């Protein structure tokens, strides 16, 4: 059992005067390589394909984990930013409420609110 590869040659480093009336892009010959396949058993080929399959699946898994990790970091940043903004707005509302209550009691305002 042999594996064969045939590569057609369309360009040869010969001047057109030596080639005669052969068209320029016509096949002018070829190279054939024969590889003995006895050394490649069926089990060896299956193992190689399974190994390549696992490497591909592992690469996809690694890529997916990295993609999810980056997405989670982005979501965490957005979520933390919105929490900080909401907390600051709540603190401003509470300070305004305290100032209003102090004003109703006739006391001086405690918080200076800058917007």
C-alpha atoms as a PDB file:
ATOM      1  CA  UNK A   1       0.000   0.000   0.000  1.00  0.00           C
ATOM      2  CA  UNK A   2       1.445   3.353  -1.070  1.00  0.00           C
ATOM      3  CA  UNK A   3       0.243   6.914  -0.731  1.00  0.00           C
ATOM      4  CA  UNK A   4       0.699   8.907  -3.950  1.00  0.00           C
ATOM      5  CA  UNK A   5       0.861  12.620  -4.588  1.00  0.00           C
ATOM      6  CA  UNK A   6       0.928  14.014  -8.127  1.00  0.00           C
ATOM      7  CA  UNK A   7       1.655  17.690  -8.759  1.00  0.00           C
ATOM      8  CA  UNK A   8       1.153  18.957 -12.321  1.00  0.00           C
ATOM      9  CA  UNK A   9       3.783  21.377 -13.631  1.00  0.00           C
ATOM     10  CA  UNK A  10       2.496  24.234 -15.803  1.00  0.00           C
ATOM     11  CA  UNK A  11       5.614  26.389 -15.933  1.00  0.00           C
ATOM     12  CA  UNK A  12       9.008  25.178 -17.038  1.00  0.00           C
ATOM     13  CA  UNK A  13      12.136  27.284 -17.278  1.00  0.00           C
ATOM     14  CA  UNK A  14      12.475  26.608 -21.000  1.00  0.00           C
ATOM     15  CA  UNK A  15      12.133  29.148 -23.775  1.00  0.00           C
ATOM     16  CA  UNK A  16       9.054  28.858 -25.997  1.00  0.00           C
ATOM     17  CA  UNK A  17      11.254  28.012 -28.996  1.00  0.00           C
ATOM     18  CA  UNK A  18      12.207  24.678 -27.361  1.00  0.00           C
ATOM     19  CA  UNK A  19       8.640  23.868 -26.284  1.00  0.00           C
ATOM     20  CA  UNK A  20       7.238  24.091 -29.784  1.00  0.00           C
ATOM     21  CA  UNK A  21       3.534  24.732 -30.145  1.00  0.00           C
ATOM     22  CA  UNK A  22       2.512  23.841 -26.515  1.00  0.00           C
ATOM     23  CA  UNK A  23       0.235  26.591 -25.103  1.00  0.00           C
ATOM     24  CA  UNK A  24       1.742  28.704 -22.350  1.00  0.00           C
ATOM     25  CA  UNK A  25      -0.462  27.495 -19.427  1.00  0.00           C
ATOM     26  CA  UNK A  26      -0.883  23.886 -20.531  1.00  0.00           C
ATOM     27  CA  UNK A  27       0.327  21.026 -18.325  1.00  0.00           C
ATOM     28  CA  UNK A  28       3.914  20.249 -19.365  1.00  0.00           C
ATOM     29  CA  UNK A  29       4.659  17.368 -17.043  1.00  0.00           C
ATOM     30  CA  UNK A  30       4.387  16.466 -13.406  1.00  0.00           C
ATOM     31  CA  UNK A  31       6.095  15.238 -10.288  1.00  0.00           C
ATOM     32  CA  UNK A  32       4.919  12.069  -8.562  1.00  0.00           C
ATOM     33  CA  UNK A  33       5.904  11.080  -5.034  1.00  0.00           C
ATOM     34  CA  UNK A  34       5.153   7.655  -3.577  1.00  0.00           C
ATOM     35  CA  UNK A  35       5.219   7.088   0.186  1.00  0.00           C
ATOM     36  CA  UNK A  36       5.096   3.560   1.643  1.00  0.00           C
ATOM     37  CA  UNK A  37       2.116   3.404   4.032  1.00  0.00           C
ATOM     38  CA  UNK A  38       2.918   0.043   5.675  1.00  0.00           C
ATOM     39  CA  UNK A  39       4.616   1.822   8.574  1.00  0.00           C
ATOM     40  CA  UNK A  40       1.359   3.687   9.339  1.00  0.00           C
ATOM     41  CA  UNK A  41      -0.991   1.220  10.981  1.00  0.00           C
ATOM     42  CA  UNK A  42      -4.701   1.877  11.341  1.00  0.00           C
ATOM     43  CA  UNK A  43      -4.349   2.205  15.132  1.00  0.00           C
ATOM     44  CA  UNK A  44      -1.584   4.771  14.748  1.00  0.00           C
ATOM     45  CA  UNK A  45      -3.684   6.865  12.353  1.00  0.00           C
ATOM     46  CA  UNK A  46      -6.723   6.681  14.664  1.00  0.00           C
ATOM     47  CA  UNK A  47      -4.622   7.714  17.661  1.00  0.00           C
ATOM     48  CA  UNK A  48      -3.222  10.654  15.718  1.00  0.00           C
ATOM     49  CA  UNK A  49      -6.672  11.826  14.662  1.00  0.00           C
ATOM     50  CA  UNK A  50      -8.049  11.441  18.202  1.00  0.00           C
ATOM     51  CA  UNK A  51      -5.082  13.386  19.567  1.00  0.00           C
ATOM     52  CA  UNK A  52      -5.665  16.190  17.053  1.00  0.00           C
ATOM     53  CA  UNK A  53      -9.366  16.184  17.950  1.00  0.00           C
ATOM     54  CA  UNK A  54      -8.579  16.554  21.668  1.00  0.00           C
ATOM     55  CA  UNK A  55      -6.097  19.341  20.969  1.00  0.00           C
ATOM     56  CA  UNK A  56      -8.765  21.174  18.936  1.00  0.00           C
ATOM     57  CA  UNK A  57     -11.439  20.709  21.608  1.00  0.00           C
ATOM     58  CA  UNK A  58      -8.958  21.823  24.281  1.00  0.00           C
ATOM     59  CA  UNK A  59      -8.142  24.948  22.291  1.00  0.00           C
ATOM     60  CA  UNK A  60     -11.829  25.767  21.842  1.00  0.00           C
ATOM     61  CA  UNK A  61     -12.446  25.219  25.566  1.00  0.00           C
ATOM     62  CA  UNK A  62      -9.498  27.461  26.504  1.00  0.00           C
ATOM     63  CA  UNK A  63     -10.714  30.172  24.095  1.00  0.00           C
ATOM     64  CA  UNK A  64     -14.285  29.974  25.449  1.00  0.00           C
ATOM     65  CA  UNK A  65     -13.076  30.216  29.066  1.00  0.00           C
ATOM     66  CA  UNK A  66     -10.991  33.252  28.219  1.00  0.00           C
ATOM     67  CA  UNK A  67     -13.898  34.879  26.401  1.00  0.00           C
ATOM     68  CA  UNK A  68     -16.236  34.278  29.356  1.00  0.00           C
ATOM     69  CA  UNK A  69     -13.656  35.570  31.837  1.00  0.00           C
ATOM     70  CA  UNK A  70     -13.257  38.816  29.866  1.00  0.00           C
ATOM     71  CA  UNK A  71     -17.046  39.208  29.573  1.00  0.00           C
ATOM     72  CA  UNK A  72     -17.449  38.670  33.331  1.00  0.00           C
ATOM     73  CA  UNK A  73     -14.794  41.291  34.069  1.00  0.00           C
ATOM     74  CA  UNK A  74     -16.564  43.792  31.831  1.00  0.00           C
ATOM     75  CA  UNK A  75     -19.935  43.058  33.479  1.00  0.00           C
ATOM     76  CA  UNK A  76     -18.366  43.412  36.947  1.00  0.00           C
ATOM     77  CA  UNK A  77     -16.878  46.794  36.028  1.00  0.00           C
ATOM     78  CA  UNK A  78     -20.205  48.075  34.704  1.00  0.00           C
ATOM     79  CA  UNK A  79     -22.136  46.678  37.672  1.00  0.00           C
ATOM     80  CA  UNK A  80     -19.698  48.145  40.254  1.00  0.00           C
ATOM     81  CA  UNK A  81     -19.775  51.511  38.495  1.00  0.00           C
ATOM     82  CA  UNK A  82     -23.580  51.602  38.572  1.00  0.00           C
ATOM     83  CA  UNK A  83     -23.574  50.584  42.254  1.00  0.00           C
ATOM     84  CA  UNK A  84     -21.167  53.398  43.081  1.00  0.00           C
ATOM     85  CA  UNK A  85     -23.260  55.955  41.214  1.00  0.00           C
ATOM     86  CA  UNK A  86     -26.477  54.740  42.859  1.00  0.00           C
ATOM     87  CA  UNK A  87     -24.838  54.837  46.298  1.00  0.00           C
ATOM     88  CA  UNK A  88     -23.628  58.402  45.750  1.00  0.00           C
ATOM     89  CA  UNK A  89     -27.091  59.526  44.605  1.00  0.00           C
ATOM     90  CA  UNK A  90     -28.655  57.901  47.683  1.00  0.00           C
ATOM     91  CA  UNK A  91     -26.130  59.670  49.965  1.00  0.00           C
ATOM     92  CA  UNK A  92     -26.982  63.044  48.379  1.00  0.00           C
ATOM     93  CA  UNK A  93     -30.717  62.381  48.927  1.00  0.00           C
ATOM     94  CA  UNK A  94     -30.128  61.458  52.570  1.00  0.00           C
ATOM     95  CA  UNK A  95     -28.011  64.566  53.178  1.00  0.00           C
ATOM     96  CA  UNK A  96     -30.708  66.755  51.605  1.00  0.00           C
ATOM     97  CA  UNK A  97     -33.319  65.087  53.804  1.00  0.00           C
ATOM     98  CA  UNK A  98     -31.204  65.657  56.943  1.00  0.00           C
ATOM     99  CA  UNK A  99     -30.656  69.295  55.968  1.00  0.00           C
ATOM    100  CA  UNK A 100     -34.415  69.716  55.406  1.00  0.00           C
ATOM    101  CA  UNK A 101     -35.266  68.186  58.791  1.00  0.00           C
ATOM    102  CA  UNK A 102     -32.630  70.327  60.544  1.00  0.00           C
ATOM    103  CA  UNK A 103     -34.069  73.408  58.807  1.00  0.00           C
ATOM    104  CA  UNK A 104     -37.585  72.508  60.046  1.00  0.00           C
ATOM    105  CA  UNK A 105     -36.206  72.220  63.603  1.00  0.00           C
ATOM    106  CA  UNK A 106     -34.611  75.643  63.267  1.00  0.00           C
ATOM    107  CA  UNK A 107     -31.058  74.394  63.331  1.00  0.00           C
ATOM    108  CA  UNK A 108     -28.173  75.082  60.981  1.00  0.00           C
ATOM    109  CA  UNK A 109     -27.689  72.821  57.939  1.00  0.00           C
ATOM    110  CA  UNK A 110     -25.121  70.138  58.596  1.00  0.00           C
ATOM    111  CA  UNK A 111     -24.144  69.122  55.023  1.00  0.00           C
ATOM    112  CA  UNK A 112     -22.993  71.283  52.173  1.00  0.00           C
ATOM    113  CA  UNK A 113     -24.137  69.655  48.926  1.00  0.00           C
ATOM    114  CA  UNK A 114     -22.126  70.383  45.790  1.00  0.00           C
ATOM    115  CA  UNK A 115     -23.530  69.206  42.446  1.00  0.00           C
END
